[in-house]
Amino acid sequence: MGIITGLIDLVLMLFELAVIVHFVISLVKPASNKWIELLNSIVEPVLKPVRKLLVEKLPAKYQTFDWSHLVLIVVVAIIRIIL
C-alpha cells in the first residue's frame, strides 16, 4: 500500500467513524455545541444527497427510519476495500 493510498484509507476510516458518531448523536439529540456543529458540517453535506436519493427510491413503508447513515457507511467501506 502506497503512502497516498494509506492516507486516503485513513481519511475514509475517520469519515466512517464520523458518520457513526453522527448517527448516535442524532438518536440522542443533545444540546448543540461547537463539536456537534463541526461534525454536522463534515457529515451532513454528504448525507443530504443520500437522503434525497433514498426518499426517491425507497417505498414509503421503509422511510420511517433514516437509512442514509447505513448506506453511506457501506459505500465508504466498499471504496476502502477497492483501494
PDB file of N, CA and C in Angstrom:
ATOM      1  N   MET A   1       0.857  -1.178   0.000  1.00  0.00           N
ATOM      2  CA  MET A   1       0.000   0.000   0.000  1.00  0.00           C
ATOM      3  C   MET A   1       0.898   1.234   0.000  1.00  0.00           C
ATOM      4  N   GLY A   2       0.659   2.128  -0.940  1.00  0.00           N
ATOM      5  CA  GLY A   2       1.449   3.339  -1.024  1.00  0.00           C
ATOM      6  C   GLY A   2       1.044   4.359   0.031  1.00  0.00           C
ATOM      7  N   ILE A   3       1.839   5.394   0.118  1.00  0.00           N
ATOM      8  CA  ILE A   3       1.575   6.441   1.110  1.00  0.00           C
ATOM      9  C   ILE A   3       0.253   7.142   0.814  1.00  0.00           C
ATOM     10  N   ILE A   4       0.011   7.451  -0.452  1.00  0.00           N
ATOM     11  CA  ILE A   4      -1.222   8.149  -0.830  1.00  0.00           C
ATOM     12  C   ILE A   4      -2.437   7.267  -0.551  1.00  0.00           C
ATOM     13  N   THR A   5      -2.348   6.019  -0.925  1.00  0.00           N
ATOM     14  CA  THR A   5      -3.458   5.094  -0.693  1.00  0.00           C
ATOM     15  C   THR A   5      -3.716   4.923   0.803  1.00  0.00           C
ATOM     16  N   GLY A   6      -2.646   4.827   1.575  1.00  0.00           N
ATOM     17  CA  GLY A   6      -2.788   4.716   3.024  1.00  0.00           C
ATOM     18  C   GLY A   6      -3.429   5.949   3.630  1.00  0.00           C
ATOM     19  N   LEU A   7      -3.049   7.108   3.123  1.00  0.00           N
ATOM     20  CA  LEU A   7      -3.625   8.362   3.615  1.00  0.00           C
ATOM     21  C   LEU A   7      -5.110   8.463   3.264  1.00  0.00           C
ATOM     22  N   ILE A   8      -5.458   8.080   2.047  1.00  0.00           N
ATOM     23  CA  ILE A   8      -6.867   8.096   1.635  1.00  0.00           C
ATOM     24  C   ILE A   8      -7.665   7.114   2.490  1.00  0.00           C
ATOM     25  N   ASP A   9      -7.102   5.926   2.756  1.00  0.00           N
ATOM     26  CA  ASP A   9      -7.775   4.946   3.591  1.00  0.00           C
ATOM     27  C   ASP A   9      -7.994   5.490   5.002  1.00  0.00           C
ATOM     28  N   LEU A  10      -7.006   6.180   5.549  1.00  0.00           N
ATOM     29  CA  LEU A  10      -7.132   6.774   6.878  1.00  0.00           C
ATOM     30  C   LEU A  10      -8.241   7.827   6.915  1.00  0.00           C
ATOM     31  N   VAL A  11      -8.281   8.674   5.897  1.00  0.00           N
ATOM     32  CA  VAL A  11      -9.318   9.711   5.827  1.00  0.00           C
ATOM     33  C   VAL A  11     -10.698   9.068   5.723  1.00  0.00           C
ATOM     34  N   LEU A  12     -10.828   8.036   4.899  1.00  0.00           N
ATOM     35  CA  LEU A  12     -12.116   7.353   4.758  1.00  0.00           C
ATOM     36  C   LEU A  12     -12.526   6.656   6.051  1.00  0.00           C
ATOM     37  N   MET A  13     -11.551   6.068   6.750  1.00  0.00           N
ATOM     38  CA  MET A  13     -11.849   5.421   8.023  1.00  0.00           C
ATOM     39  C   MET A  13     -12.327   6.451   9.052  1.00  0.00           C
ATOM     40  N   LEU A  14     -11.672   7.603   9.095  1.00  0.00           N
ATOM     41  CA  LEU A  14     -12.093   8.660  10.018  1.00  0.00           C
ATOM     42  C   LEU A  14     -13.474   9.193   9.648  1.00  0.00           C
ATOM     43  N   PHE A  15     -13.755   9.279   8.343  1.00  0.00           N
ATOM     44  CA  PHE A  15     -15.076   9.719   7.908  1.00  0.00           C
ATOM     45  C   PHE A  15     -16.143   8.707   8.318  1.00  0.00           C
ATOM     46  N   GLU A  16     -15.834   7.411   8.171  1.00  0.00           N
ATOM     47  CA  GLU A  16     -16.757   6.366   8.627  1.00  0.00           C
ATOM     48  C   GLU A  16     -17.060   6.523  10.114  1.00  0.00           C
ATOM     49  N   LEU A  17     -16.025   6.751  10.887  1.00  0.00           N
ATOM     50  CA  LEU A  17     -16.192   6.960  12.323  1.00  0.00           C
ATOM     51  C   LEU A  17     -17.060   8.190  12.592  1.00  0.00           C
ATOM     52  N   ALA A  18     -16.841   9.265  11.831  1.00  0.00           N
ATOM     53  CA  ALA A  18     -17.640  10.476  11.994  1.00  0.00           C
ATOM     54  C   ALA A  18     -19.110  10.208  11.684  1.00  0.00           C
ATOM     55  N   VAL A  19     -19.387   9.393  10.676  1.00  0.00           N
ATOM     56  CA  VAL A  19     -20.775   9.059  10.320  1.00  0.00           C
ATOM     57  C   VAL A  19     -21.424   8.246  11.447  1.00  0.00           C
ATOM     58  N   ILE A  20     -20.682   7.320  12.025  1.00  0.00           N
ATOM     59  CA  ILE A  20     -21.219   6.520  13.125  1.00  0.00           C
ATOM     60  C   ILE A  20     -21.518   7.402  14.333  1.00  0.00           C
ATOM     61  N   VAL A  21     -20.588   8.280  14.681  1.00  0.00           N
ATOM     62  CA  VAL A  21     -20.801   9.192  15.810  1.00  0.00           C
ATOM     63  C   VAL A  21     -21.984  10.111  15.527  1.00  0.00           C
ATOM     64  N   HIS A  22     -22.093  10.600  14.300  1.00  0.00           N
ATOM     65  CA  HIS A  22     -23.208  11.465  13.917  1.00  0.00           C
ATOM     66  C   HIS A  22     -24.535  10.733  14.073  1.00  0.00           C
ATOM     67  N   PHE A  23     -24.566   9.453  13.693  1.00  0.00           N
ATOM     68  CA  PHE A  23     -25.784   8.657  13.841  1.00  0.00           C
ATOM     69  C   PHE A  23     -26.182   8.539  15.306  1.00  0.00           C
ATOM     70  N   VAL A  24     -25.229   8.206  16.156  1.00  0.00           N
ATOM     71  CA  VAL A  24     -25.519   8.055  17.587  1.00  0.00           C
ATOM     72  C   VAL A  24     -25.990   9.384  18.172  1.00  0.00           C
ATOM     73  N   ILE A  25     -25.326  10.457  17.808  1.00  0.00           N
ATOM     74  CA  ILE A  25     -25.717  11.777  18.311  1.00  0.00           C
ATOM     75  C   ILE A  25     -27.106  12.153  17.803  1.00  0.00           C
ATOM     76  N   SER A  26     -27.438  11.765  16.582  1.00  0.00           N
ATOM     77  CA  SER A  26     -28.769  12.091  16.059  1.00  0.00           C
ATOM     78  C   SER A  26     -29.863  11.341  16.814  1.00  0.00           C
ATOM     79  N   LEU A  27     -29.522  10.197  17.384  1.00  0.00           N
ATOM     80  CA  LEU A  27     -30.504   9.464  18.189  1.00  0.00           C
ATOM     81  C   LEU A  27     -30.690  10.097  19.562  1.00  0.00           C
ATOM     82  N   VAL A  28     -29.606  10.600  20.131  1.00  0.00           N
ATOM     83  CA  VAL A  28     -29.636  11.167  21.474  1.00  0.00           C
ATOM     84  C   VAL A  28     -30.150  12.604  21.481  1.00  0.00           C
ATOM     85  N   LYS A  29     -29.828  13.354  20.429  1.00  0.00           N
ATOM     86  CA  LYS A  29     -30.220  14.757  20.266  1.00  0.00           C
ATOM     87  C   LYS A  29     -29.792  15.642  21.444  1.00  0.00           C
ATOM     88  N   PRO A  30     -28.481  15.736  21.695  1.00  0.00           N
ATOM     89  CA  PRO A  30     -28.007  16.609  22.781  1.00  0.00           C
ATOM     90  C   PRO A  30     -28.079  18.074  22.369  1.00  0.00           C
ATOM     91  N   ALA A  31     -27.845  18.937  23.331  1.00  0.00           N
ATOM     92  CA  ALA A  31     -27.811  20.372  23.031  1.00  0.00           C
ATOM     93  C   ALA A  31     -26.662  20.656  22.066  1.00  0.00           C
ATOM     94  N   SER A  32     -26.872  21.601  21.196  1.00  0.00           N
ATOM     95  CA  SER A  32     -25.874  21.928  20.189  1.00  0.00           C
ATOM     96  C   SER A  32     -24.659  22.597  20.828  1.00  0.00           C
ATOM     97  N   ASN A  33     -23.485  22.228  20.348  1.00  0.00           N
ATOM     98  CA  ASN A  33     -22.250  22.884  20.755  1.00  0.00           C
ATOM     99  C   ASN A  33     -21.297  22.898  19.567  1.00  0.00           C
ATOM    100  N   LYS A  34     -20.106  23.428  19.748  1.00  0.00           N
ATOM    101  CA  LYS A  34     -19.194  23.598  18.612  1.00  0.00           C
ATOM    102  C   LYS A  34     -18.744  22.264  18.019  1.00  0.00           C
ATOM    103  N   TRP A  35     -18.645  21.204  18.834  1.00  0.00           N
ATOM    104  CA  TRP A  35     -18.215  19.906  18.321  1.00  0.00           C
ATOM    105  C   TRP A  35     -19.306  19.249  17.482  1.00  0.00           C
ATOM    106  N   ILE A  36     -20.531  19.392  17.918  1.00  0.00           N
ATOM    107  CA  ILE A  36     -21.648  18.841  17.142  1.00  0.00           C
ATOM    108  C   ILE A  36     -21.812  19.612  15.838  1.00  0.00           C
ATOM    109  N   GLU A  37     -21.642  20.919  15.898  1.00  0.00           N
ATOM    110  CA  GLU A  37     -21.708  21.731  14.678  1.00  0.00           C
ATOM    111  C   GLU A  37     -20.604  21.338  13.693  1.00  0.00           C
ATOM    112  N   LEU A  38     -19.397  21.077  14.204  1.00  0.00           N
ATOM    113  CA  LEU A  38     -18.292  20.637  13.352  1.00  0.00           C
ATOM    114  C   LEU A  38     -18.617  19.298  12.713  1.00  0.00           C
ATOM    115  N   LEU A  39     -19.123  18.371  13.515  1.00  0.00           N
ATOM    116  CA  LEU A  39     -19.495  17.058  12.991  1.00  0.00           C
ATOM    117  C   LEU A  39     -20.590  17.181  11.931  1.00  0.00           C
ATOM    118  N   ASN A  40     -21.592  18.023  12.185  1.00  0.00           N
ATOM    119  CA  ASN A  40     -22.649  18.251  11.193  1.00  0.00           C
ATOM    120  C   ASN A  40     -22.090  18.832   9.903  1.00  0.00           C
ATOM    121  N   SER A  41     -21.145  19.753  10.024  1.00  0.00           N
ATOM    122  CA  SER A  41     -20.586  20.381   8.817  1.00  0.00           C
ATOM    123  C   SER A  41     -19.748  19.398   8.000  1.00  0.00           C
ATOM    124  N   ILE A  42     -19.251  18.347   8.636  1.00  0.00           N
ATOM    125  CA  ILE A  42     -18.478  17.332   7.916  1.00  0.00           C
ATOM    126  C   ILE A  42     -19.387  16.287   7.284  1.00  0.00           C
ATOM    127  N   VAL A  43     -20.385  15.828   8.021  1.00  0.00           N
ATOM    128  CA  VAL A  43     -21.180  14.676   7.582  1.00  0.00           C
ATOM    129  C   VAL A  43     -22.423  15.073   6.775  1.00  0.00           C
ATOM    130  N   GLU A  44     -23.115  16.115   7.187  1.00  0.00           N
ATOM    131  CA  GLU A  44     -24.392  16.472   6.549  1.00  0.00           C
ATOM    132  C   GLU A  44     -24.288  16.749   5.039  1.00  0.00           C
ATOM    133  N   PRO A  45     -23.248  17.427   4.540  1.00  0.00           N
ATOM    134  CA  PRO A  45     -23.197  17.644   3.089  1.00  0.00           C
ATOM    135  C   PRO A  45     -23.149  16.354   2.270  1.00  0.00           C
ATOM    136  N   VAL A  46     -22.645  15.287   2.850  1.00  0.00           N
ATOM    137  CA  VAL A  46     -22.613  14.006   2.144  1.00  0.00           C
ATOM    138  C   VAL A  46     -23.900  13.227   2.367  1.00  0.00           C
ATOM    139  N   LEU A  47     -24.492  13.366   3.549  1.00  0.00           N
ATOM    140  CA  LEU A  47     -25.732  12.652   3.840  1.00  0.00           C
ATOM    141  C   LEU A  47     -26.930  13.211   3.066  1.00  0.00           C
ATOM    142  N   LYS A  48     -26.926  14.500   2.806  1.00  0.00           N
ATOM    143  CA  LYS A  48     -28.088  15.129   2.167  1.00  0.00           C
ATOM    144  C   LYS A  48     -28.425  14.509   0.804  1.00  0.00           C
ATOM    145  N   PRO A  49     -27.454  14.331  -0.110  1.00  0.00           N
ATOM    146  CA  PRO A  49     -27.807  13.682  -1.389  1.00  0.00           C
ATOM    147  C   PRO A  49     -28.221  12.217  -1.225  1.00  0.00           C
ATOM    148  N   VAL A  50     -27.631  11.527  -0.243  1.00  0.00           N
ATOM    149  CA  VAL A  50     -28.013  10.135   0.005  1.00  0.00           C
ATOM    150  C   VAL A  50     -29.467  10.080   0.478  1.00  0.00           C
ATOM    151  N   ARG A  51     -29.836  10.981   1.378  1.00  0.00           N
ATOM    152  CA  ARG A  51     -31.229  11.035   1.853  1.00  0.00           C
ATOM    153  C   ARG A  51     -32.188  11.318   0.701  1.00  0.00           C
ATOM    154  N   LYS A  52     -31.816  12.264  -0.144  1.00  0.00           N
ATOM    155  CA  LYS A  52     -32.672  12.624  -1.277  1.00  0.00           C
ATOM    156  C   LYS A  52     -32.872  11.421  -2.196  1.00  0.00           C
ATOM    157  N   LEU A  53     -31.806  10.706  -2.467  1.00  0.00           N
ATOM    158  CA  LEU A  53     -31.894   9.520  -3.318  1.00  0.00           C
ATOM    159  C   LEU A  53     -32.765   8.447  -2.681  1.00  0.00           C
ATOM    160  N   LEU A  54     -32.606   8.240  -1.385  1.00  0.00           N
ATOM    161  CA  LEU A  54     -33.399   7.222  -0.693  1.00  0.00           C
ATOM    162  C   LEU A  54     -34.880   7.580  -0.651  1.00  0.00           C
ATOM    163  N   VAL A  55     -35.190   8.851  -0.490  1.00  0.00           N
ATOM    164  CA  VAL A  55     -36.595   9.277  -0.485  1.00  0.00           C
ATOM    165  C   VAL A  55     -37.226   9.008  -1.848  1.00  0.00           C
ATOM    166  N   GLU A  56     -36.441   9.212  -2.914  1.00  0.00           N
ATOM    167  CA  GLU A  56     -36.968   8.980  -4.254  1.00  0.00           C
ATOM    168  C   GLU A  56     -37.120   7.491  -4.570  1.00  0.00           C
ATOM    169  N   LYS A  57     -36.213   6.671  -4.073  1.00  0.00           N
ATOM    170  CA  LYS A  57     -36.167   5.269  -4.496  1.00  0.00           C
ATOM    171  C   LYS A  57     -36.832   4.279  -3.538  1.00  0.00           C
ATOM    172  N   LEU A  58     -36.855   4.578  -2.241  1.00  0.00           N
ATOM    173  CA  LEU A  58     -37.426   3.629  -1.279  1.00  0.00           C
ATOM    174  C   LEU A  58     -38.946   3.738  -1.207  1.00  0.00           C
ATOM    175  N   PRO A  59     -39.624   2.608  -1.058  1.00  0.00           N
ATOM    176  CA  PRO A  59     -41.068   2.673  -0.816  1.00  0.00           C
ATOM    177  C   PRO A  59     -41.345   3.368   0.525  1.00  0.00           C
ATOM    178  N   ALA A  60     -42.512   3.939   0.648  1.00  0.00           N
ATOM    179  CA  ALA A  60     -42.865   4.738   1.832  1.00  0.00           C
ATOM    180  C   ALA A  60     -42.765   3.939   3.130  1.00  0.00           C
ATOM    181  N   LYS A  61     -43.065   2.653   3.093  1.00  0.00           N
ATOM    182  CA  LYS A  61     -43.043   1.873   4.334  1.00  0.00           C
ATOM    183  C   LYS A  61     -41.631   1.729   4.905  1.00  0.00           C
ATOM    184  N   TYR A  62     -40.591   1.920   4.071  1.00  0.00           N
ATOM    185  CA  TYR A  62     -39.211   1.830   4.550  1.00  0.00           C
ATOM    186  C   TYR A  62     -38.623   3.187   4.921  1.00  0.00           C
ATOM    187  N   GLN A  63     -39.383   4.251   4.752  1.00  0.00           N
ATOM    188  CA  GLN A  63     -38.868   5.594   5.015  1.00  0.00           C
ATOM    189  C   GLN A  63     -39.096   6.060   6.440  1.00  0.00           C
ATOM    190  N   THR A  64     -39.564   5.189   7.304  1.00  0.00           N
ATOM    191  CA  THR A  64     -39.759   5.583   8.699  1.00  0.00           C
ATOM    192  C   THR A  64     -38.437   5.646   9.457  1.00  0.00           C
ATOM    193  N   PHE A  65     -37.396   5.054   8.904  1.00  0.00           N
ATOM    194  CA  PHE A  65     -36.062   5.055   9.503  1.00  0.00           C
ATOM    195  C   PHE A  65     -35.109   5.763   8.548  1.00  0.00           C
ATOM    196  N   ASP A  66     -34.170   6.511   9.078  1.00  0.00           N
ATOM    197  CA  ASP A  66     -33.175   7.208   8.248  1.00  0.00           C
ATOM    198  C   ASP A  66     -32.056   6.230   7.894  1.00  0.00           C
ATOM    199  N   TRP A  67     -32.116   5.680   6.687  1.00  0.00           N
ATOM    200  CA  TRP A  67     -31.161   4.690   6.221  1.00  0.00           C
ATOM    201  C   TRP A  67     -29.882   5.321   5.674  1.00  0.00           C
ATOM    202  N   SER A  68     -29.827   6.640   5.576  1.00  0.00           N
ATOM    203  CA  SER A  68     -28.707   7.294   4.902  1.00  0.00           C
ATOM    204  C   SER A  68     -27.363   7.022   5.571  1.00  0.00           C
ATOM    205  N   HIS A  69     -27.341   6.955   6.899  1.00  0.00           N
ATOM    206  CA  HIS A  69     -26.077   6.672   7.587  1.00  0.00           C
ATOM    207  C   HIS A  69     -25.551   5.284   7.206  1.00  0.00           C
ATOM    208  N   LEU A  70     -26.433   4.301   7.221  1.00  0.00           N
ATOM    209  CA  LEU A  70     -26.029   2.933   6.890  1.00  0.00           C
ATOM    210  C   LEU A  70     -25.556   2.840   5.440  1.00  0.00           C
ATOM    211  N   VAL A  71     -26.288   3.451   4.537  1.00  0.00           N
ATOM    212  CA  VAL A  71     -25.909   3.420   3.121  1.00  0.00           C
ATOM    213  C   VAL A  71     -24.549   4.081   2.925  1.00  0.00           C
ATOM    214  N   LEU A  72     -24.334   5.207   3.574  1.00  0.00           N
ATOM    215  CA  LEU A  72     -23.068   5.912   3.436  1.00  0.00           C
ATOM    216  C   LEU A  72     -21.910   5.096   4.003  1.00  0.00           C
ATOM    217  N   ILE A  73     -22.111   4.446   5.136  1.00  0.00           N
ATOM    218  CA  ILE A  73     -21.059   3.608   5.717  1.00  0.00           C
ATOM    219  C   ILE A  73     -20.720   2.449   4.778  1.00  0.00           C
ATOM    220  N   VAL A  74     -21.729   1.835   4.179  1.00  0.00           N
ATOM    221  CA  VAL A  74     -21.491   0.729   3.253  1.00  0.00           C
ATOM    222  C   VAL A  74     -20.726   1.216   2.025  1.00  0.00           C
ATOM    223  N   VAL A  75     -21.105   2.356   1.481  1.00  0.00           N
ATOM    224  CA  VAL A  75     -20.423   2.899   0.300  1.00  0.00           C
ATOM    225  C   VAL A  75     -18.958   3.211   0.626  1.00  0.00           C
ATOM    226  N   VAL A  76     -18.715   3.848   1.761  1.00  0.00           N
ATOM    227  CA  VAL A  76     -17.338   4.169   2.148  1.00  0.00           C
ATOM    228  C   VAL A  76     -16.541   2.881   2.381  1.00  0.00           C
ATOM    229  N   ALA A  77     -17.155   1.880   2.993  1.00  0.00           N
ATOM    230  CA  ALA A  77     -16.470   0.600   3.214  1.00  0.00           C
ATOM    231  C   ALA A  77     -16.104  -0.071   1.890  1.00  0.00           C
ATOM    232  N   ILE A  78     -16.999  -0.003   0.927  1.00  0.00           N
ATOM    233  CA  ILE A  78     -16.711  -0.582  -0.397  1.00  0.00           C
ATOM    234  C   ILE A  78     -15.558   0.163  -1.059  1.00  0.00           C
ATOM    235  N   ILE A  79     -15.555   1.487  -0.946  1.00  0.00           N
ATOM    236  CA  ILE A  79     -14.456   2.270  -1.518  1.00  0.00           C
ATOM    237  C   ILE A  79     -13.129   1.893  -0.848  1.00  0.00           C
ATOM    238  N   ARG A  80     -13.160   1.715   0.483  1.00  0.00           N
ATOM    239  CA  ARG A  80     -11.935   1.319   1.199  1.00  0.00           C
ATOM    240  C   ARG A  80     -11.445  -0.052   0.752  1.00  0.00           C
ATOM    241  N   ILE A  81     -12.367  -0.970   0.477  1.00  0.00           N
ATOM    242  CA  ILE A  81     -11.977  -2.308   0.007  1.00  0.00           C
ATOM    243  C   ILE A  81     -11.350  -2.238  -1.380  1.00  0.00           C
ATOM    244  N   ILE A  82     -11.931  -1.419  -2.243  1.00  0.00           N
ATOM    245  CA  ILE A  82     -11.425  -1.279  -3.600  1.00  0.00           C
ATOM    246  C   ILE A  82     -10.015  -0.689  -3.590  1.00  0.00           C
ATOM    247  N   LEU A  83      -9.782   0.262  -2.700  1.00  0.00           N
ATOM    248  CA  LEU A  83      -8.441   0.857  -2.622  1.00  0.00           C
ATOM    249  C   LEU A  83      -7.478  -0.158  -2.033  1.00  0.00           C
TER     250      LEU A  83
END
